[in-house]
N, C-alpha and C. Protein backbone atom coordinates (compact mmCIF):
# COMPACT_ATOMS: atom_id res chain seq x y z
N MET A 1 -1.90 -50.54 -2.73
CA MET A 1 -3.24 -50.05 -2.52
C MET A 1 -3.61 -50.13 -1.04
N ALA A 2 -3.16 -51.17 -0.36
CA ALA A 2 -3.45 -51.31 1.07
C ALA A 2 -2.82 -50.16 1.85
N ALA A 3 -1.64 -49.72 1.42
CA ALA A 3 -0.98 -48.61 2.11
C ALA A 3 -1.80 -47.32 1.97
N LEU A 4 -2.39 -47.11 0.80
CA LEU A 4 -3.23 -45.93 0.61
C LEU A 4 -4.48 -45.99 1.47
N ARG A 5 -5.08 -47.18 1.58
CA ARG A 5 -6.26 -47.31 2.44
C ARG A 5 -5.89 -47.05 3.88
N HIS A 6 -4.72 -47.54 4.30
CA HIS A 6 -4.27 -47.32 5.67
C HIS A 6 -4.05 -45.83 5.92
N LEU A 7 -3.43 -45.15 4.97
CA LEU A 7 -3.19 -43.72 5.09
C LEU A 7 -4.51 -42.96 5.17
N ALA A 8 -5.46 -43.33 4.31
CA ALA A 8 -6.77 -42.66 4.32
C ALA A 8 -7.49 -42.90 5.64
N SER A 9 -7.39 -44.11 6.18
CA SER A 9 -8.09 -44.39 7.43
C SER A 9 -7.48 -43.63 8.60
N ALA A 10 -6.24 -43.22 8.49
CA ALA A 10 -5.59 -42.46 9.56
C ALA A 10 -6.24 -41.08 9.71
N PHE A 11 -6.91 -40.60 8.66
CA PHE A 11 -7.54 -39.29 8.69
C PHE A 11 -9.03 -39.34 8.97
N ASP A 12 -9.59 -40.55 9.16
CA ASP A 12 -11.03 -40.69 9.36
C ASP A 12 -11.55 -39.88 10.54
N ASP A 13 -10.80 -39.84 11.63
CA ASP A 13 -11.26 -39.17 12.83
C ASP A 13 -10.81 -37.71 12.92
N LEU A 14 -10.15 -37.22 11.90
CA LEU A 14 -9.65 -35.85 11.90
C LEU A 14 -10.80 -34.87 11.67
N ASP A 15 -10.95 -33.91 12.57
CA ASP A 15 -11.99 -32.90 12.45
C ASP A 15 -11.43 -31.70 11.70
N LEU A 16 -11.83 -31.52 10.46
CA LEU A 16 -11.30 -30.44 9.63
C LEU A 16 -12.08 -29.15 9.79
N THR A 17 -13.15 -29.14 10.54
CA THR A 17 -13.94 -27.91 10.68
C THR A 17 -13.15 -26.81 11.36
N SER A 18 -12.26 -27.17 12.28
CA SER A 18 -11.47 -26.14 12.95
C SER A 18 -10.47 -25.51 12.00
N PHE A 19 -10.00 -26.25 10.99
CA PHE A 19 -9.06 -25.70 10.03
C PHE A 19 -9.72 -24.70 9.10
N SER A 20 -10.94 -24.97 8.69
CA SER A 20 -11.58 -24.11 7.71
C SER A 20 -11.79 -22.70 8.23
N ASN A 21 -11.97 -22.54 9.53
CA ASN A 21 -12.18 -21.22 10.10
C ASN A 21 -10.88 -20.44 10.26
N ASP A 22 -9.77 -21.15 10.43
CA ASP A 22 -8.50 -20.50 10.71
C ASP A 22 -7.63 -20.29 9.49
N MET A 23 -7.86 -21.03 8.43
CA MET A 23 -6.96 -20.99 7.28
C MET A 23 -7.33 -19.84 6.36
N THR A 24 -6.34 -19.13 5.93
CA THR A 24 -6.51 -18.06 4.96
C THR A 24 -5.41 -18.19 3.93
N SER A 25 -5.38 -17.30 3.00
CA SER A 25 -4.31 -17.33 2.01
C SER A 25 -3.12 -16.50 2.47
N GLU A 26 -3.03 -16.25 3.75
CA GLU A 26 -1.93 -15.48 4.31
C GLU A 26 -0.92 -16.39 4.99
N PHE A 27 0.31 -15.90 5.09
CA PHE A 27 1.35 -16.59 5.84
C PHE A 27 1.69 -15.77 7.08
N THR A 28 2.31 -16.41 8.03
CA THR A 28 2.75 -15.78 9.27
C THR A 28 4.25 -15.61 9.22
N ILE A 29 4.75 -14.44 9.57
CA ILE A 29 6.20 -14.25 9.72
C ILE A 29 6.47 -14.00 11.19
N VAL A 30 7.37 -14.79 11.76
CA VAL A 30 7.78 -14.63 13.16
C VAL A 30 9.15 -13.99 13.17
N PHE A 31 9.29 -12.92 13.95
CA PHE A 31 10.57 -12.23 14.08
C PHE A 31 11.10 -12.45 15.50
N GLU A 32 12.31 -12.94 15.60
CA GLU A 32 12.95 -13.14 16.90
C GLU A 32 14.25 -12.35 16.93
N PRO A 33 14.49 -11.60 18.01
CA PRO A 33 15.77 -10.89 18.11
C PRO A 33 16.94 -11.89 18.11
N ALA A 34 17.96 -11.58 17.34
CA ALA A 34 19.15 -12.43 17.27
C ALA A 34 20.15 -11.95 18.32
N GLU A 35 20.90 -12.88 18.90
CA GLU A 35 21.89 -12.54 19.94
C GLU A 35 22.92 -11.54 19.44
N GLU A 36 23.32 -11.68 18.18
CA GLU A 36 24.34 -10.80 17.62
C GLU A 36 23.78 -9.49 17.08
N GLY A 37 22.47 -9.30 17.27
CA GLY A 37 21.80 -8.11 16.77
C GLY A 37 20.96 -8.46 15.55
N GLY A 38 20.03 -7.62 15.24
CA GLY A 38 19.15 -7.88 14.12
C GLY A 38 18.07 -8.87 14.49
N TYR A 39 17.48 -9.49 13.48
CA TYR A 39 16.35 -10.39 13.69
C TYR A 39 16.46 -11.63 12.83
N THR A 40 16.00 -12.73 13.37
CA THR A 40 15.77 -13.94 12.61
C THR A 40 14.28 -13.95 12.27
N ALA A 41 13.95 -14.22 11.03
CA ALA A 41 12.56 -14.25 10.59
C ALA A 41 12.28 -15.62 9.96
N TYR A 42 11.12 -16.18 10.30
CA TYR A 42 10.74 -17.44 9.67
C TYR A 42 9.24 -17.50 9.46
N ILE A 43 8.85 -18.36 8.52
CA ILE A 43 7.46 -18.58 8.19
C ILE A 43 7.12 -19.99 8.65
N PRO A 44 6.40 -20.12 9.77
CA PRO A 44 6.17 -21.46 10.34
C PRO A 44 5.38 -22.40 9.43
N GLU A 45 4.59 -21.88 8.52
CA GLU A 45 3.81 -22.73 7.62
C GLU A 45 4.65 -23.36 6.52
N VAL A 46 5.89 -22.87 6.33
CA VAL A 46 6.72 -23.33 5.23
C VAL A 46 8.06 -23.82 5.77
N PRO A 47 8.26 -25.14 5.85
CA PRO A 47 9.54 -25.66 6.33
C PRO A 47 10.71 -25.11 5.52
N GLY A 48 11.72 -24.65 6.19
CA GLY A 48 12.92 -24.14 5.53
C GLY A 48 12.89 -22.65 5.24
N ALA A 49 11.75 -21.99 5.48
CA ALA A 49 11.66 -20.55 5.20
C ALA A 49 12.12 -19.78 6.42
N ILE A 50 13.43 -19.60 6.52
CA ILE A 50 14.03 -18.88 7.64
C ILE A 50 15.17 -18.02 7.10
N SER A 51 15.25 -16.80 7.59
CA SER A 51 16.29 -15.88 7.14
C SER A 51 16.57 -14.89 8.26
N GLU A 52 17.37 -13.88 7.96
CA GLU A 52 17.70 -12.89 8.99
C GLU A 52 17.99 -11.55 8.34
N GLY A 53 17.98 -10.52 9.17
CA GLY A 53 18.28 -9.18 8.70
C GLY A 53 18.69 -8.30 9.85
N ASN A 54 19.34 -7.21 9.55
CA ASN A 54 19.80 -6.28 10.59
C ASN A 54 18.65 -5.49 11.21
N ALA A 55 17.56 -5.31 10.46
CA ALA A 55 16.38 -4.59 10.93
C ALA A 55 15.14 -5.40 10.54
N LEU A 56 13.99 -5.08 11.12
CA LEU A 56 12.75 -5.80 10.82
C LEU A 56 12.44 -5.77 9.32
N ASP A 57 12.55 -4.60 8.70
CA ASP A 57 12.25 -4.50 7.27
C ASP A 57 13.16 -5.39 6.43
N GLU A 58 14.43 -5.41 6.77
CA GLU A 58 15.38 -6.25 6.03
C GLU A 58 15.09 -7.72 6.27
N ALA A 59 14.80 -8.11 7.49
CA ALA A 59 14.47 -9.51 7.79
C ALA A 59 13.21 -9.94 7.04
N ARG A 60 12.21 -9.06 7.00
CA ARG A 60 10.96 -9.36 6.27
C ARG A 60 11.26 -9.55 4.79
N GLU A 61 12.01 -8.62 4.20
CA GLU A 61 12.34 -8.71 2.78
C GLU A 61 13.12 -9.99 2.48
N MET A 62 14.06 -10.33 3.34
CA MET A 62 14.90 -11.51 3.12
C MET A 62 14.07 -12.80 3.18
N VAL A 63 13.18 -12.91 4.17
CA VAL A 63 12.40 -14.15 4.30
C VAL A 63 11.35 -14.25 3.19
N LEU A 64 10.82 -13.12 2.73
CA LEU A 64 9.88 -13.17 1.61
C LEU A 64 10.58 -13.52 0.30
N ASP A 65 11.80 -13.02 0.11
CA ASP A 65 12.59 -13.42 -1.06
C ASP A 65 12.88 -14.91 -1.01
N LEU A 66 13.21 -15.40 0.18
CA LEU A 66 13.48 -16.82 0.34
C LEU A 66 12.23 -17.65 0.06
N LEU A 67 11.07 -17.19 0.51
CA LEU A 67 9.82 -17.89 0.24
C LEU A 67 9.61 -18.03 -1.27
N HIS A 68 9.85 -16.95 -2.00
CA HIS A 68 9.72 -17.00 -3.46
C HIS A 68 10.69 -18.01 -4.06
N ASP A 69 11.97 -17.91 -3.69
CA ASP A 69 12.99 -18.80 -4.24
C ASP A 69 12.72 -20.26 -3.88
N LEU A 70 12.28 -20.50 -2.65
CA LEU A 70 11.98 -21.85 -2.19
C LEU A 70 10.80 -22.43 -2.96
N THR A 71 9.80 -21.61 -3.21
CA THR A 71 8.64 -22.07 -3.97
C THR A 71 9.02 -22.42 -5.40
N VAL A 72 9.80 -21.57 -6.03
CA VAL A 72 10.25 -21.83 -7.40
C VAL A 72 11.08 -23.12 -7.44
N TYR A 73 12.02 -23.27 -6.52
CA TYR A 73 12.87 -24.46 -6.48
C TYR A 73 12.05 -25.73 -6.29
N ARG A 74 11.14 -25.70 -5.30
CA ARG A 74 10.34 -26.90 -5.01
C ARG A 74 9.40 -27.23 -6.17
N ARG A 75 8.86 -26.22 -6.84
CA ARG A 75 8.00 -26.47 -7.99
C ARG A 75 8.80 -27.13 -9.10
N GLU A 76 9.98 -26.56 -9.41
CA GLU A 76 10.81 -27.14 -10.47
C GLU A 76 11.25 -28.56 -10.13
N ALA A 77 11.61 -28.80 -8.88
CA ALA A 77 12.03 -30.14 -8.46
C ALA A 77 10.87 -31.13 -8.56
N ALA A 78 9.68 -30.70 -8.19
CA ALA A 78 8.52 -31.58 -8.23
C ALA A 78 8.09 -31.91 -9.65
N LEU A 79 8.31 -30.98 -10.57
CA LEU A 79 7.85 -31.17 -11.94
C LEU A 79 8.88 -31.82 -12.85
N SER A 80 10.13 -31.90 -12.41
CA SER A 80 11.15 -32.47 -13.28
C SER A 80 10.94 -33.98 -13.42
N GLY A 81 11.09 -34.44 -14.64
CA GLY A 81 11.02 -35.87 -14.92
C GLY A 81 9.64 -36.47 -14.86
N LYS A 82 8.59 -35.69 -15.01
CA LYS A 82 7.23 -36.23 -15.01
C LYS A 82 6.98 -37.01 -16.29
N VAL A 83 6.18 -38.05 -16.19
CA VAL A 83 5.85 -38.87 -17.34
C VAL A 83 4.90 -38.11 -18.26
N PRO A 84 4.88 -38.48 -19.55
CA PRO A 84 3.94 -37.84 -20.47
C PRO A 84 2.50 -38.00 -19.97
N ASN A 85 1.67 -37.06 -20.30
CA ASN A 85 0.25 -37.05 -19.92
C ASN A 85 0.02 -36.76 -18.44
N THR A 86 1.06 -36.33 -17.72
CA THR A 86 0.87 -35.92 -16.34
C THR A 86 0.11 -34.61 -16.33
N LEU A 87 -0.93 -34.53 -15.55
CA LEU A 87 -1.70 -33.29 -15.45
C LEU A 87 -1.16 -32.44 -14.32
N ILE A 88 -0.96 -31.18 -14.60
CA ILE A 88 -0.44 -30.24 -13.61
C ILE A 88 -1.40 -29.07 -13.54
N GLU A 89 -1.78 -28.71 -12.32
CA GLU A 89 -2.71 -27.61 -12.14
C GLU A 89 -2.11 -26.63 -11.15
N ARG A 90 -2.19 -25.36 -11.46
CA ARG A 90 -1.77 -24.31 -10.52
C ARG A 90 -3.01 -23.59 -10.05
N PHE A 91 -3.01 -23.18 -8.80
CA PHE A 91 -4.17 -22.50 -8.26
C PHE A 91 -3.73 -21.48 -7.23
N ALA A 92 -4.59 -20.53 -7.00
CA ALA A 92 -4.38 -19.54 -5.94
C ALA A 92 -5.28 -19.96 -4.78
N PRO A 93 -4.70 -20.32 -3.64
CA PRO A 93 -5.54 -20.80 -2.55
C PRO A 93 -6.48 -19.72 -2.03
N CYS A 94 -7.69 -20.11 -1.78
CA CYS A 94 -8.66 -19.22 -1.14
C CYS A 94 -9.41 -20.07 -0.13
N PHE A 95 -8.79 -20.21 1.02
CA PHE A 95 -9.32 -21.07 2.07
C PHE A 95 -10.52 -20.45 2.72
């Protein structure tokens, strides 16, 4: 319990007003030219969401497919082995 209080106190001085104005339900895709040609695409808001493609459209499609697969994998991993009576809620963010 002391660890939780310590963690909560670490956020006491955090000003969340700046986040509320900038956050939306959208993600950002960054495209960088690859040395060997094509593009590397990543979503900075989602660790591990990085892919590549020969053209911008292909790179976009690949990173969005990866975002879907990563979300499904992480959801399944997080939900596996939960104790009975665990409450699980899904929501669509609207920041």
